Amino acid sequence: MKSDGPKFDPTKNYDLIKDTLTLTATFLTPVAAFVLFSDWREEHEVKSIFSLLDSIKK
């Protein structure tokens, strides 16, 4: 960690925030993708079942 004590350096602060957001996105992106894919798959299955039931009724 880069530090000059109590002296504030905006460049180092920006780099720290940027790296933190990059690491957060790296670890949370696969989780979000898994959740979205799972929800889409379940919704598609329900729609397919309703479509099949409608075709059987006709």
PDB file of N, CA and C in Angstrom:
ATOM      1  N   MET A   1       0.845  -1.173   0.000  1.00  0.00           N
ATOM      2  CA  MET A   1       0.000   0.000   0.000  1.00  0.00           C
ATOM      3  C   MET A   1       0.885   1.229   0.000  1.00  0.00           C
ATOM      4  N   LYS A   2       0.578   2.134  -0.868  1.00  0.00           N
ATOM      5  CA  LYS A   2       1.337   3.374  -0.954  1.00  0.00           C
ATOM      6  C   LYS A   2       0.798   4.361   0.071  1.00  0.00           C
ATOM      7  N   SER A   3       1.676   4.898   0.911  1.00  0.00           N
ATOM      8  CA  SER A   3       1.221   5.840   1.927  1.00  0.00           C
ATOM      9  C   SER A   3       2.312   6.849   2.243  1.00  0.00           C
ATOM     10  N   ASP A   4       1.898   8.113   2.376  1.00  0.00           N
ATOM     11  CA  ASP A   4       2.811   9.182   2.792  1.00  0.00           C
ATOM     12  C   ASP A   4       2.400   9.710   4.158  1.00  0.00           C
ATOM     13  N   GLY A   5       1.742   8.905   4.941  1.00  0.00           N
ATOM     14  CA  GLY A   5       1.273   9.342   6.248  1.00  0.00           C
ATOM     15  C   GLY A   5      -0.004  10.138   6.119  1.00  0.00           C
ATOM     16  N   PRO A   6      -0.106  11.257   6.855  1.00  0.00           N
ATOM     17  CA  PRO A   6      -1.349  12.042   6.835  1.00  0.00           C
ATOM     18  C   PRO A   6      -1.513  12.905   5.574  1.00  0.00           C
ATOM     19  N   LYS A   7      -0.497  12.963   4.724  1.00  0.00           N
ATOM     20  CA  LYS A   7      -0.570  13.781   3.504  1.00  0.00           C
ATOM     21  C   LYS A   7      -1.522  13.129   2.497  1.00  0.00           C
ATOM     22  N   PHE A   8      -2.494  13.902   1.986  1.00  0.00           N
ATOM     23  CA  PHE A   8      -3.490  13.393   1.045  1.00  0.00           C
ATOM     24  C   PHE A   8      -2.984  13.559  -0.375  1.00  0.00           C
ATOM     25  N   ASP A   9      -2.997  12.468  -1.119  1.00  0.00           N
ATOM     26  CA  ASP A   9      -2.588  12.499  -2.529  1.00  0.00           C
ATOM     27  C   ASP A   9      -3.751  11.982  -3.362  1.00  0.00           C
ATOM     28  N   PRO A  10      -4.404  12.852  -4.149  1.00  0.00           N
ATOM     29  CA  PRO A  10      -5.585  12.417  -4.902  1.00  0.00           C
ATOM     30  C   PRO A  10      -5.287  11.322  -5.927  1.00  0.00           C
ATOM     31  N   THR A  11      -4.103  11.318  -6.492  1.00  0.00           N
ATOM     32  CA  THR A  11      -3.755  10.299  -7.485  1.00  0.00           C
ATOM     33  C   THR A  11      -3.720   8.916  -6.849  1.00  0.00           C
ATOM     34  N   LYS A  12      -3.100   8.811  -5.689  1.00  0.00           N
ATOM     35  CA  LYS A  12      -3.034   7.521  -5.003  1.00  0.00           C
ATOM     36  C   LYS A  12      -4.416   7.095  -4.519  1.00  0.00           C
ATOM     37  N   ASN A  13      -5.217   8.057  -4.087  1.00  0.00           N
ATOM     38  CA  ASN A  13      -6.579   7.749  -3.650  1.00  0.00           C
ATOM     39  C   ASN A  13      -7.405   7.232  -4.827  1.00  0.00           C
ATOM     40  N   TYR A  14      -7.291   7.863  -5.982  1.00  0.00           N
ATOM     41  CA  TYR A  14      -8.001   7.417  -7.183  1.00  0.00           C
ATOM     42  C   TYR A  14      -7.585   6.000  -7.564  1.00  0.00           C
ATOM     43  N   ASP A  15      -6.281   5.718  -7.528  1.00  0.00           N
ATOM     44  CA  ASP A  15      -5.795   4.375  -7.861  1.00  0.00           C
ATOM     45  C   ASP A  15      -6.343   3.332  -6.891  1.00  0.00           C
ATOM     46  N   LEU A  16      -6.412   3.681  -5.623  1.00  0.00           N
ATOM     47  CA  LEU A  16      -6.935   2.751  -4.620  1.00  0.00           C
ATOM     48  C   LEU A  16      -8.413   2.455  -4.875  1.00  0.00           C
ATOM     49  N   ILE A  17      -9.201   3.487  -5.143  1.00  0.00           N
ATOM     50  CA  ILE A  17     -10.630   3.293  -5.400  1.00  0.00           C
ATOM     51  C   ILE A  17     -10.834   2.493  -6.687  1.00  0.00           C
ATOM     52  N   LYS A  18     -10.059   2.813  -7.710  1.00  0.00           N
ATOM     53  CA  LYS A  18     -10.180   2.105  -8.989  1.00  0.00           C
ATOM     54  C   LYS A  18      -9.850   0.625  -8.822  1.00  0.00           C
ATOM     55  N   ASP A  19      -8.779   0.311  -8.098  1.00  0.00           N
ATOM     56  CA  ASP A  19      -8.407  -1.091  -7.883  1.00  0.00           C
ATOM     57  C   ASP A  19      -9.441  -1.826  -7.043  1.00  0.00           C
ATOM     58  N   THR A  20     -10.013  -1.146  -6.058  1.00  0.00           N
ATOM     59  CA  THR A  20     -11.040  -1.760  -5.221  1.00  0.00           C
ATOM     60  C   THR A  20     -12.276  -2.104  -6.047  1.00  0.00           C
ATOM     61  N   LEU A  21     -12.712  -1.177  -6.896  1.00  0.00           N
ATOM     62  CA  LEU A  21     -13.880  -1.440  -7.737  1.00  0.00           C
ATOM     63  C   LEU A  21     -13.609  -2.549  -8.753  1.00  0.00           C
ATOM     64  N   THR A  22     -12.384  -2.602  -9.257  1.00  0.00           N
ATOM     65  CA  THR A  22     -12.027  -3.657 -10.206  1.00  0.00           C
ATOM     66  C   THR A  22     -12.085  -5.028  -9.543  1.00  0.00           C
ATOM     67  N   LEU A  23     -11.530  -5.148  -8.358  1.00  0.00           N
ATOM     68  CA  LEU A  23     -11.569  -6.429  -7.643  1.00  0.00           C
ATOM     69  C   LEU A  23     -13.008  -6.820  -7.293  1.00  0.00           C
ATOM     70  N   THR A  24     -13.808  -5.854  -6.867  1.00  0.00           N
ATOM     71  CA  THR A  24     -15.199  -6.138  -6.535  1.00  0.00           C
ATOM     72  C   THR A  24     -15.949  -6.644  -7.751  1.00  0.00           C
ATOM     73  N   ALA A  25     -15.769  -5.973  -8.885  1.00  0.00           N
ATOM     74  CA  ALA A  25     -16.448  -6.398 -10.111  1.00  0.00           C
ATOM     75  C   ALA A  25     -15.979  -7.779 -10.550  1.00  0.00           C
ATOM     76  N   THR A  26     -14.709  -8.058 -10.370  1.00  0.00           N
ATOM     77  CA  THR A  26     -14.155  -9.358 -10.771  1.00  0.00           C
ATOM     78  C   THR A  26     -14.816 -10.504 -10.009  1.00  0.00           C
ATOM     79  N   PHE A  27     -15.063 -10.302  -8.726  1.00  0.00           N
ATOM     80  CA  PHE A  27     -15.634 -11.381  -7.929  1.00  0.00           C
ATOM     81  C   PHE A  27     -17.162 -11.424  -7.986  1.00  0.00           C
ATOM     82  N   LEU A  28     -17.823 -10.296  -8.211  1.00  0.00           N
ATOM     83  CA  LEU A  28     -19.283 -10.286  -8.198  1.00  0.00           C
ATOM     84  C   LEU A  28     -19.903 -10.565  -9.565  1.00  0.00           C
ATOM     85  N   THR A  29     -19.175 -10.373 -10.635  1.00  0.00           N
ATOM     86  CA  THR A  29     -19.722 -10.597 -11.967  1.00  0.00           C
ATOM     87  C   THR A  29     -20.162 -12.045 -12.191  1.00  0.00           C
ATOM     88  N   PRO A  30     -19.366 -13.047 -11.853  1.00  0.00           N
ATOM     89  CA  PRO A  30     -19.835 -14.424 -12.046  1.00  0.00           C
ATOM     90  C   PRO A  30     -21.068 -14.761 -11.203  1.00  0.00           C
ATOM     91  N   VAL A  31     -21.141 -14.200 -10.020  1.00  0.00           N
ATOM     92  CA  VAL A  31     -22.303 -14.458  -9.163  1.00  0.00           C
ATOM     93  C   VAL A  31     -23.558 -13.868  -9.803  1.00  0.00           C
ATOM     94  N   ALA A  32     -23.461 -12.634 -10.283  1.00  0.00           N
ATOM     95  CA  ALA A  32     -24.615 -11.993 -10.923  1.00  0.00           C
ATOM     96  C   ALA A  32     -25.024 -12.754 -12.188  1.00  0.00           C
ATOM     97  N   ALA A  33     -24.055 -13.209 -12.954  1.00  0.00           N
ATOM     98  CA  ALA A  33     -24.368 -13.952 -14.175  1.00  0.00           C
ATOM     99  C   ALA A  33     -25.072 -15.262 -13.847  1.00  0.00           C
ATOM    100  N   PHE A  34     -24.649 -15.942 -12.815  1.00  0.00           N
ATOM    101  CA  PHE A  34     -25.276 -17.202 -12.427  1.00  0.00           C
ATOM    102  C   PHE A  34     -26.713 -16.980 -11.985  1.00  0.00           C
ATOM    103  N   VAL A  35     -26.958 -15.933 -11.200  1.00  0.00           N
ATOM    104  CA  VAL A  35     -28.302 -15.644 -10.722  1.00  0.00           C
ATOM    105  C   VAL A  35     -29.215 -15.296 -11.891  1.00  0.00           C
ATOM    106  N   LEU A  36     -28.754 -14.455 -12.806  1.00  0.00           N
ATOM    107  CA  LEU A  36     -29.579 -14.071 -13.941  1.00  0.00           C
ATOM    108  C   LEU A  36     -29.861 -15.256 -14.850  1.00  0.00           C
ATOM    109  N   PHE A  37     -28.866 -16.101 -15.082  1.00  0.00           N
ATOM    110  CA  PHE A  37     -29.070 -17.259 -15.943  1.00  0.00           C
ATOM    111  C   PHE A  37     -30.046 -18.237 -15.306  1.00  0.00           C
ATOM    112  N   SER A  38     -29.939 -18.451 -14.018  1.00  0.00           N
ATOM    113  CA  SER A  38     -30.848 -19.367 -13.333  1.00  0.00           C
ATOM    114  C   SER A  38     -32.285 -18.854 -13.404  1.00  0.00           C
ATOM    115  N   ASP A  39     -32.506 -17.564 -13.181  1.00  0.00           N
ATOM    116  CA  ASP A  39     -33.852 -17.007 -13.240  1.00  0.00           C
ATOM    117  C   ASP A  39     -34.415 -17.126 -14.646  1.00  0.00           C
ATOM    118  N   TRP A  40     -33.617 -16.874 -15.646  1.00  0.00           N
ATOM    119  CA  TRP A  40     -34.075 -16.951 -17.032  1.00  0.00           C
ATOM    120  C   TRP A  40     -34.458 -18.383 -17.381  1.00  0.00           C
ATOM    121  N   ARG A  41     -33.678 -19.326 -16.938  1.00  0.00           N
ATOM    122  CA  ARG A  41     -33.935 -20.726 -17.260  1.00  0.00           C
ATOM    123  C   ARG A  41     -35.248 -21.190 -16.641  1.00  0.00           C
ATOM    124  N   GLU A  42     -35.498 -20.824 -15.392  1.00  0.00           N
ATOM    125  CA  GLU A  42     -36.743 -21.216 -14.727  1.00  0.00           C
ATOM    126  C   GLU A  42     -37.948 -20.566 -15.403  1.00  0.00           C
ATOM    127  N   GLU A  43     -37.828 -19.305 -15.749  1.00  0.00           N
ATOM    128  CA  GLU A  43     -38.927 -18.602 -16.406  1.00  0.00           C
ATOM    129  C   GLU A  43     -39.225 -19.230 -17.766  1.00  0.00           C
ATOM    130  N   HIS A  44     -38.203 -19.589 -18.499  1.00  0.00           N
ATOM    131  CA  HIS A  44     -38.398 -20.222 -19.806  1.00  0.00           C
ATOM    132  C   HIS A  44     -39.097 -21.579 -19.662  1.00  0.00           C
ATOM    133  N   GLU A  45     -38.743 -22.327 -18.642  1.00  0.00           N
ATOM    134  CA  GLU A  45     -39.374 -23.631 -18.416  1.00  0.00           C
ATOM    135  C   GLU A  45     -40.862 -23.479 -18.113  1.00  0.00           C
ATOM    136  N   VAL A  46     -41.215 -22.497 -17.298  1.00  0.00           N
ATOM    137  CA  VAL A  46     -42.622 -22.263 -16.964  1.00  0.00           C
ATOM    138  C   VAL A  46     -43.397 -21.850 -18.209  1.00  0.00           C
ATOM    139  N   LYS A  47     -42.815 -20.971 -19.025  1.00  0.00           N
ATOM    140  CA  LYS A  47     -43.494 -20.554 -20.259  1.00  0.00           C
ATOM    141  C   LYS A  47     -43.679 -21.735 -21.215  1.00  0.00           C
ATOM    142  N   SER A  48     -42.690 -22.605 -21.269  1.00  0.00           N
ATOM    143  CA  SER A  48     -42.803 -23.776 -22.139  1.00  0.00           C
ATOM    144  C   SER A  48     -43.922 -24.706 -21.682  1.00  0.00           C
ATOM    145  N   ILE A  49     -44.039 -24.879 -20.389  1.00  0.00           N
ATOM    146  CA  ILE A  49     -45.099 -25.741 -19.851  1.00  0.00           C
ATOM    147  C   ILE A  49     -46.474 -25.149 -20.153  1.00  0.00           C
ATOM    148  N   PHE A  50     -46.633 -23.830 -19.947  1.00  0.00           N
ATOM    149  CA  PHE A  50     -47.913 -23.194 -20.260  1.00  0.00           C
ATOM    150  C   PHE A  50     -48.231 -23.278 -21.744  1.00  0.00           C
ATOM    151  N   SER A  51     -47.230 -23.122 -22.569  1.00  0.00           N
ATOM    152  CA  SER A  51     -47.435 -23.236 -24.015  1.00  0.00           C
ATOM    153  C   SER A  51     -47.882 -24.652 -24.386  1.00  0.00           C
ATOM    154  N   LEU A  52     -47.251 -25.645 -23.780  1.00  0.00           N
ATOM    155  CA  LEU A  52     -47.621 -27.034 -24.032  1.00  0.00           C
ATOM    156  C   LEU A  52     -49.049 -27.312 -23.566  1.00  0.00           C
ATOM    157  N   LEU A  53     -49.422 -26.800 -22.406  1.00  0.00           N
ATOM    158  CA  LEU A  53     -50.778 -27.001 -21.893  1.00  0.00           C
ATOM    159  C   LEU A  53     -51.816 -26.343 -22.806  1.00  0.00           C
ATOM    160  N   ASP A  54     -51.498 -25.156 -23.317  1.00  0.00           N
ATOM    161  CA  ASP A  54     -52.430 -24.493 -24.242  1.00  0.00           C
ATOM    162  C   ASP A  54     -52.604 -25.294 -25.522  1.00  0.00           C
ATOM    163  N   SER A  55     -51.505 -25.858 -26.029  1.00  0.00           N
ATOM    164  CA  SER A  55     -51.617 -26.641 -27.254  1.00  0.00           C
ATOM    165  C   SER A  55     -52.385 -27.954 -27.021  1.00  0.00           C
ATOM    166  N   ILE A  56     -52.273 -28.524 -25.834  1.00  0.00           N
ATOM    167  CA  ILE A  56     -53.022 -29.749 -25.514  1.00  0.00           C
ATOM    168  C   ILE A  56     -54.511 -29.453 -25.399  1.00  0.00           C
ATOM    169  N   LYS A  57     -54.849 -28.286 -24.820  1.00  0.00           N
ATOM    170  CA  LYS A  57     -56.261 -27.903 -24.671  1.00  0.00           C
ATOM    171  C   LYS A  57     -56.919 -27.715 -26.028  1.00  0.00           C
ATOM    172  N   LYS A  58     -56.182 -27.157 -26.985  1.00  0.00           N
ATOM    173  CA  LYS A  58     -56.757 -26.922 -28.321  1.00  0.00           C
ATOM    174  C   LYS A  58     -56.896 -28.227 -29.038  1.00  0.00           C
TER     175      LYS A  58
END
